[in-house]
Amino acid sequence: TGPDIVVLEVDRDGTVQTRTVLERPGVDRGVMIVEPRTWGYLLTGTLGGSRSAPGDFAVLWLAH
């Protein structure tokens, strides 16, 4: 097992509004997150990697 991806939604003052943990066996890495105008977030990265293997490429939609 390794680190998980933790996605925090914060307000303008830096107060955490939501906290989502994305976990899968192995090392997960979030690379980029974007917020389309009207719905949720898109997160790209890899899930389930290890020191010898990069894991699976992932594009995740996080609804809010």
PDB file of N, CA and C in Angstrom:
ATOM      1  N   THR A   1       0.835  -1.183   0.000  1.00  0.00           N
ATOM      2  CA  THR A   1       0.000   0.000   0.000  1.00  0.00           C
ATOM      3  C   THR A   1       0.880   1.247   0.000  1.00  0.00           C
ATOM      4  N   GLY A   2       0.290   2.343  -0.334  1.00  0.00           N
ATOM      5  CA  GLY A   2       1.022   3.600  -0.377  1.00  0.00           C
ATOM      6  C   GLY A   2       0.096   4.751  -0.107  1.00  0.00           C
ATOM      7  N   PRO A   3       0.543   5.956  -0.401  1.00  0.00           N
ATOM      8  CA  PRO A   3      -0.300   7.122  -0.148  1.00  0.00           C
ATOM      9  C   PRO A   3      -1.542   7.133  -1.036  1.00  0.00           C
ATOM     10  N   ASP A   4      -2.563   7.757  -0.519  1.00  0.00           N
ATOM     11  CA  ASP A   4      -3.809   7.926  -1.257  1.00  0.00           C
ATOM     12  C   ASP A   4      -3.900   9.360  -1.752  1.00  0.00           C
ATOM     13  N   ILE A   5      -4.847   9.621  -2.642  1.00  0.00           N
ATOM     14  CA  ILE A   5      -5.103  10.975  -3.113  1.00  0.00           C
ATOM     15  C   ILE A   5      -6.172  11.573  -2.210  1.00  0.00           C
ATOM     16  N   VAL A   6      -5.890  12.739  -1.671  1.00  0.00           N
ATOM     17  CA  VAL A   6      -6.857  13.448  -0.842  1.00  0.00           C
ATOM     18  C   VAL A   6      -7.227  14.729  -1.576  1.00  0.00           C
ATOM     19  N   VAL A   7      -8.519  14.891  -1.872  1.00  0.00           N
ATOM     20  CA  VAL A   7      -9.020  16.072  -2.571  1.00  0.00           C
ATOM     21  C   VAL A   7      -9.768  16.922  -1.556  1.00  0.00           C
ATOM     22  N   LEU A   8      -9.329  18.166  -1.404  1.00  0.00           N
ATOM     23  CA  LEU A   8      -9.984  19.096  -0.485  1.00  0.00           C
ATOM     24  C   LEU A   8     -10.642  20.205  -1.279  1.00  0.00           C
ATOM     25  N   GLU A   9     -11.881  20.521  -0.940  1.00  0.00           N
ATOM     26  CA  GLU A   9     -12.551  21.690  -1.507  1.00  0.00           C
ATOM     27  C   GLU A   9     -12.559  22.735  -0.404  1.00  0.00           C
ATOM     28  N   VAL A  10     -11.955  23.887  -0.679  1.00  0.00           N
ATOM     29  CA  VAL A  10     -11.859  24.944   0.326  1.00  0.00           C
ATOM     30  C   VAL A  10     -12.541  26.209  -0.179  1.00  0.00           C
ATOM     31  N   ASP A  11     -12.987  27.032   0.758  1.00  0.00           N
ATOM     32  CA  ASP A  11     -13.577  28.305   0.355  1.00  0.00           C
ATOM     33  C   ASP A  11     -12.474  29.354   0.217  1.00  0.00           C
ATOM     34  N   ARG A  12     -12.857  30.574  -0.092  1.00  0.00           N
ATOM     35  CA  ARG A  12     -11.878  31.647  -0.319  1.00  0.00           C
ATOM     36  C   ARG A  12     -11.001  31.929   0.900  1.00  0.00           C
ATOM     37  N   ASP A  13     -11.492  31.604   2.090  1.00  0.00           N
ATOM     38  CA  ASP A  13     -10.723  31.832   3.313  1.00  0.00           C
ATOM     39  C   ASP A  13      -9.813  30.658   3.663  1.00  0.00           C
ATOM     40  N   GLY A  14      -9.881  29.590   2.877  1.00  0.00           N
ATOM     41  CA  GLY A  14      -9.052  28.413   3.137  1.00  0.00           C
ATOM     42  C   GLY A  14      -9.694  27.399   4.065  1.00  0.00           C
ATOM     43  N   THR A  15     -10.959  27.592   4.398  1.00  0.00           N
ATOM     44  CA  THR A  15     -11.670  26.646   5.254  1.00  0.00           C
ATOM     45  C   THR A  15     -12.118  25.444   4.428  1.00  0.00           C
ATOM     46  N   VAL A  16     -11.801  24.236   4.898  1.00  0.00           N
ATOM     47  CA  VAL A  16     -12.153  23.016   4.174  1.00  0.00           C
ATOM     48  C   VAL A  16     -13.669  22.843   4.183  1.00  0.00           C
ATOM     49  N   GLN A  17     -14.248  22.715   2.996  1.00  0.00           N
ATOM     50  CA  GLN A  17     -15.688  22.492   2.840  1.00  0.00           C
ATOM     51  C   GLN A  17     -15.996  21.001   2.671  1.00  0.00           C
ATOM     52  N   THR A  18     -15.194  20.292   1.873  1.00  0.00           N
ATOM     53  CA  THR A  18     -15.355  18.849   1.700  1.00  0.00           C
ATOM     54  C   THR A  18     -13.976  18.213   1.627  1.00  0.00           C
ATOM     55  N   ARG A  19     -13.912  16.944   2.016  1.00  0.00           N
ATOM     56  CA  ARG A  19     -12.660  16.166   1.962  1.00  0.00           C
ATOM     57  C   ARG A  19     -13.009  14.803   1.380  1.00  0.00           C
ATOM     58  N   THR A  20     -12.352  14.429   0.290  1.00  0.00           N
ATOM     59  CA  THR A  20     -12.591  13.152  -0.362  1.00  0.00           C
ATOM     60  C   THR A  20     -11.272  12.405  -0.454  1.00  0.00           C
ATOM     61  N   VAL A  21     -11.250  11.156  -0.035  1.00  0.00           N
ATOM     62  CA  VAL A  21     -10.044  10.331  -0.117  1.00  0.00           C
ATOM     63  C   VAL A  21     -10.264   9.288  -1.205  1.00  0.00           C
ATOM     64  N   LEU A  22      -9.366   9.254  -2.176  1.00  0.00           N
ATOM     65  CA  LEU A  22      -9.403   8.259  -3.248  1.00  0.00           C
ATOM     66  C   LEU A  22      -8.315   7.246  -2.945  1.00  0.00           C
ATOM     67  N   GLU A  23      -8.712   6.006  -2.699  1.00  0.00           N
ATOM     68  CA  GLU A  23      -7.726   5.015  -2.319  1.00  0.00           C
ATOM     69  C   GLU A  23      -7.866   3.739  -3.126  1.00  0.00           C
ATOM     70  N   ARG A  24      -6.729   3.183  -3.434  1.00  0.00           N
ATOM     71  CA  ARG A  24      -6.641   1.930  -4.168  1.00  0.00           C
ATOM     72  C   ARG A  24      -5.329   1.291  -3.734  1.00  0.00           C
ATOM     73  N   PRO A  25      -5.212  -0.027  -3.699  1.00  0.00           N
ATOM     74  CA  PRO A  25      -3.930  -0.620  -3.318  1.00  0.00           C
ATOM     75  C   PRO A  25      -2.805  -0.073  -4.197  1.00  0.00           C
ATOM     76  N   GLY A  26      -1.703   0.236  -3.594  1.00  0.00           N
ATOM     77  CA  GLY A  26      -0.569   0.792  -4.319  1.00  0.00           C
ATOM     78  C   GLY A  26      -0.478   2.292  -4.106  1.00  0.00           C
ATOM     79  N   VAL A  27       0.372   2.924  -4.888  1.00  0.00           N
ATOM     80  CA  VAL A  27       0.612   4.358  -4.773  1.00  0.00           C
ATOM     81  C   VAL A  27      -0.275   5.103  -5.766  1.00  0.00           C
ATOM     82  N   ASP A  28      -1.036   6.074  -5.272  1.00  0.00           N
ATOM     83  CA  ASP A  28      -1.910   6.889  -6.112  1.00  0.00           C
ATOM     84  C   ASP A  28      -1.311   8.286  -6.215  1.00  0.00           C
ATOM     85  N   ARG A  29      -1.345   8.869  -7.417  1.00  0.00           N
ATOM     86  CA  ARG A  29      -0.789  10.205  -7.607  1.00  0.00           C
ATOM     87  C   ARG A  29      -1.759  11.064  -8.407  1.00  0.00           C
ATOM     88  N   GLY A  30      -2.176  12.161  -7.802  1.00  0.00           N
ATOM     89  CA  GLY A  30      -2.961  13.145  -8.536  1.00  0.00           C
ATOM     90  C   GLY A  30      -2.009  14.076  -9.253  1.00  0.00           C
ATOM     91  N   VAL A  31      -2.272  14.353 -10.521  1.00  0.00           N
ATOM     92  CA  VAL A  31      -1.376  15.184 -11.318  1.00  0.00           C
ATOM     93  C   VAL A  31      -1.973  16.561 -11.576  1.00  0.00           C
ATOM     94  N   MET A  32      -3.236  16.608 -11.964  1.00  0.00           N
ATOM     95  CA  MET A  32      -3.858  17.888 -12.279  1.00  0.00           C
ATOM     96  C   MET A  32      -5.342  17.814 -11.958  1.00  0.00           C
ATOM     97  N   ILE A  33      -5.886  18.930 -11.482  1.00  0.00           N
ATOM     98  CA  ILE A  33      -7.323  19.013 -11.233  1.00  0.00           C
ATOM     99  C   ILE A  33      -7.828  20.296 -11.872  1.00  0.00           C
ATOM    100  N   VAL A  34      -8.950  20.197 -12.577  1.00  0.00           N
ATOM    101  CA  VAL A  34      -9.553  21.373 -13.210  1.00  0.00           C
ATOM    102  C   VAL A  34     -11.023  21.434 -12.809  1.00  0.00           C
ATOM    103  N   GLU A  35     -11.583  22.634 -12.816  1.00  0.00           N
ATOM    104  CA  GLU A  35     -12.988  22.819 -12.459  1.00  0.00           C
ATOM    105  C   GLU A  35     -13.729  23.373 -13.661  1.00  0.00           C
ATOM    106  N   PRO A  36     -14.467  22.514 -14.401  1.00  0.00           N
ATOM    107  CA  PRO A  36     -15.312  23.015 -15.471  1.00  0.00           C
ATOM    108  C   PRO A  36     -16.342  23.989 -14.890  1.00  0.00           C
ATOM    109  N   ARG A  37     -16.899  24.834 -15.705  1.00  0.00           N
ATOM    110  CA  ARG A  37     -17.772  25.920 -15.239  1.00  0.00           C
ATOM    111  C   ARG A  37     -18.993  25.479 -14.447  1.00  0.00           C
ATOM    112  N   THR A  38     -19.615  24.357 -14.796  1.00  0.00           N
ATOM    113  CA  THR A  38     -20.914  24.067 -14.203  1.00  0.00           C
ATOM    114  C   THR A  38     -21.009  22.787 -13.387  1.00  0.00           C
ATOM    115  N   TRP A  39     -20.008  21.945 -13.370  1.00  0.00           N
ATOM    116  CA  TRP A  39     -20.174  20.681 -12.660  1.00  0.00           C
ATOM    117  C   TRP A  39     -18.846  20.143 -12.145  1.00  0.00           C
ATOM    118  N   GLY A  40     -18.759  19.849 -10.897  1.00  0.00           N
ATOM    119  CA  GLY A  40     -17.686  19.099 -10.284  1.00  0.00           C
ATOM    120  C   GLY A  40     -16.268  19.473 -10.655  1.00  0.00           C
ATOM    121  N   TYR A  41     -15.414  18.457 -10.655  1.00  0.00           N
ATOM    122  CA  TYR A  41     -13.991  18.613 -10.948  1.00  0.00           C
ATOM    123  C   TYR A  41     -13.531  17.427 -11.779  1.00  0.00           C
ATOM    124  N   LEU A  42     -12.506  17.635 -12.587  1.00  0.00           N
ATOM    125  CA  LEU A  42     -11.831  16.552 -13.296  1.00  0.00           C
ATOM    126  C   LEU A  42     -10.439  16.416 -12.707  1.00  0.00           C
ATOM    127  N   LEU A  43     -10.067  15.208 -12.323  1.00  0.00           N
ATOM    128  CA  LEU A  43      -8.761  14.924 -11.737  1.00  0.00           C
ATOM    129  C   LEU A  43      -8.050  13.923 -12.631  1.00  0.00           C
ATOM    130  N   THR A  44      -6.812  14.199 -12.977  1.00  0.00           N
ATOM    131  CA  THR A  44      -6.010  13.227 -13.715  1.00  0.00           C
ATOM    132  C   THR A  44      -4.872  12.762 -12.832  1.00  0.00           C
ATOM    133  N   GLY A  45      -4.412  11.552 -13.062  1.00  0.00           N
ATOM    134  CA  GLY A  45      -3.301  11.011 -12.290  1.00  0.00           C
ATOM    135  C   GLY A  45      -3.146   9.530 -12.552  1.00  0.00           C
ATOM    136  N   THR A  46      -2.492   8.846 -11.626  1.00  0.00           N
ATOM    137  CA  THR A  46      -2.323   7.399 -11.728  1.00  0.00           C
ATOM    138  C   THR A  46      -2.813   6.757 -10.435  1.00  0.00           C
ATOM    139  N   LEU A  47      -3.360   5.560 -10.558  1.00  0.00           N
ATOM    140  CA  LEU A  47      -3.875   4.814  -9.414  1.00  0.00           C
ATOM    141  C   LEU A  47      -3.232   3.436  -9.383  1.00  0.00           C
ATOM    142  N   GLY A  48      -2.848   2.994  -8.200  1.00  0.00           N
ATOM    143  CA  GLY A  48      -2.377   1.630  -8.010  1.00  0.00           C
ATOM    144  C   GLY A  48      -0.959   1.362  -8.469  1.00  0.00           C
ATOM    145  N   GLY A  49      -0.112   2.353  -8.481  1.00  0.00           N
ATOM    146  CA  GLY A  49       1.272   2.155  -8.908  1.00  0.00           C
ATOM    147  C   GLY A  49       2.149   1.581  -7.805  1.00  0.00           C
ATOM    148  N   SER A  50       3.397   1.339  -8.158  1.00  0.00           N
ATOM    149  CA  SER A  50       4.400   0.878  -7.194  1.00  0.00           C
ATOM    150  C   SER A  50       5.749   1.430  -7.643  1.00  0.00           C
ATOM    151  N   ARG A  51       6.794   1.078  -6.922  1.00  0.00           N
ATOM    152  CA  ARG A  51       8.133   1.557  -7.315  1.00  0.00           C
ATOM    153  C   ARG A  51       8.551   1.010  -8.677  1.00  0.00           C
ATOM    154  N   SER A  52       8.055  -0.171  -9.038  1.00  0.00           N
ATOM    155  CA  SER A  52       8.460  -0.793 -10.298  1.00  0.00           C
ATOM    156  C   SER A  52       7.442  -0.643 -11.423  1.00  0.00           C
ATOM    157  N   ALA A  53       6.230  -0.175 -11.110  1.00  0.00           N
ATOM    158  CA  ALA A  53       5.187  -0.024 -12.132  1.00  0.00           C
ATOM    159  C   ALA A  53       4.466   1.299 -11.906  1.00  0.00           C
ATOM    160  N   PRO A  54       4.154   2.025 -12.982  1.00  0.00           N
ATOM    161  CA  PRO A  54       3.560   3.352 -12.828  1.00  0.00           C
ATOM    162  C   PRO A  54       2.098   3.376 -12.413  1.00  0.00           C
ATOM    163  N   GLY A  55       1.369   2.285 -12.516  1.00  0.00           N
ATOM    164  CA  GLY A  55      -0.061   2.284 -12.186  1.00  0.00           C
ATOM    165  C   GLY A  55      -0.895   2.590 -13.410  1.00  0.00           C
ATOM    166  N   ASP A  56      -2.193   2.680 -13.210  1.00  0.00           N
ATOM    167  CA  ASP A  56      -3.136   2.930 -14.296  1.00  0.00           C
ATOM    168  C   ASP A  56      -3.410   4.425 -14.414  1.00  0.00           C
ATOM    169  N   PHE A  57      -3.387   4.936 -15.639  1.00  0.00           N
ATOM    170  CA  PHE A  57      -3.738   6.338 -15.867  1.00  0.00           C
ATOM    171  C   PHE A  57      -5.229   6.511 -15.597  1.00  0.00           C
ATOM    172  N   ALA A  58      -5.600   7.595 -14.951  1.00  0.00           N
ATOM    173  CA  ALA A  58      -6.999   7.779 -14.591  1.00  0.00           C
ATOM    174  C   ALA A  58      -7.441   9.217 -14.859  1.00  0.00           C
ATOM    175  N   VAL A  59      -8.663   9.349 -15.332  1.00  0.00           N
ATOM    176  CA  VAL A  59      -9.349  10.637 -15.412  1.00  0.00           C
ATOM    177  C   VAL A  59     -10.630  10.439 -14.612  1.00  0.00           C
ATOM    178  N   LEU A  60     -10.758  11.164 -13.518  1.00  0.00           N
ATOM    179  CA  LEU A  60     -11.885  10.985 -12.619  1.00  0.00           C
ATOM    180  C   LEU A  60     -12.747  12.227 -12.584  1.00  0.00           C
ATOM    181  N   TRP A  61     -14.053  12.043 -12.556  1.00  0.00           N
ATOM    182  CA  TRP A  61     -14.992  13.140 -12.415  1.00  0.00           C
ATOM    183  C   TRP A  61     -15.473  13.120 -10.974  1.00  0.00           C
ATOM    184  N   LEU A  62     -15.283  14.217 -10.274  1.00  0.00           N
ATOM    185  CA  LEU A  62     -15.715  14.339  -8.887  1.00  0.00           C
ATOM    186  C   LEU A  62     -16.876  15.314  -8.848  1.00  0.00           C
ATOM    187  N   ALA A  63     -18.056  14.825  -8.547  1.00  0.00           N
ATOM    188  CA  ALA A  63     -19.241  15.689  -8.480  1.00  0.00           C
ATOM    189  C   ALA A  63     -19.197  16.468  -7.175  1.00  0.00           C
ATOM    190  N   HIS A  64     -19.777  17.671  -7.195  1.00  0.00           N
ATOM    191  CA  HIS A  64     -19.899  18.415  -5.930  1.00  0.00           C
ATOM    192  C   HIS A  64     -21.281  18.934  -5.748  1.00  0.00           C
TER     193      HIS A  64
END
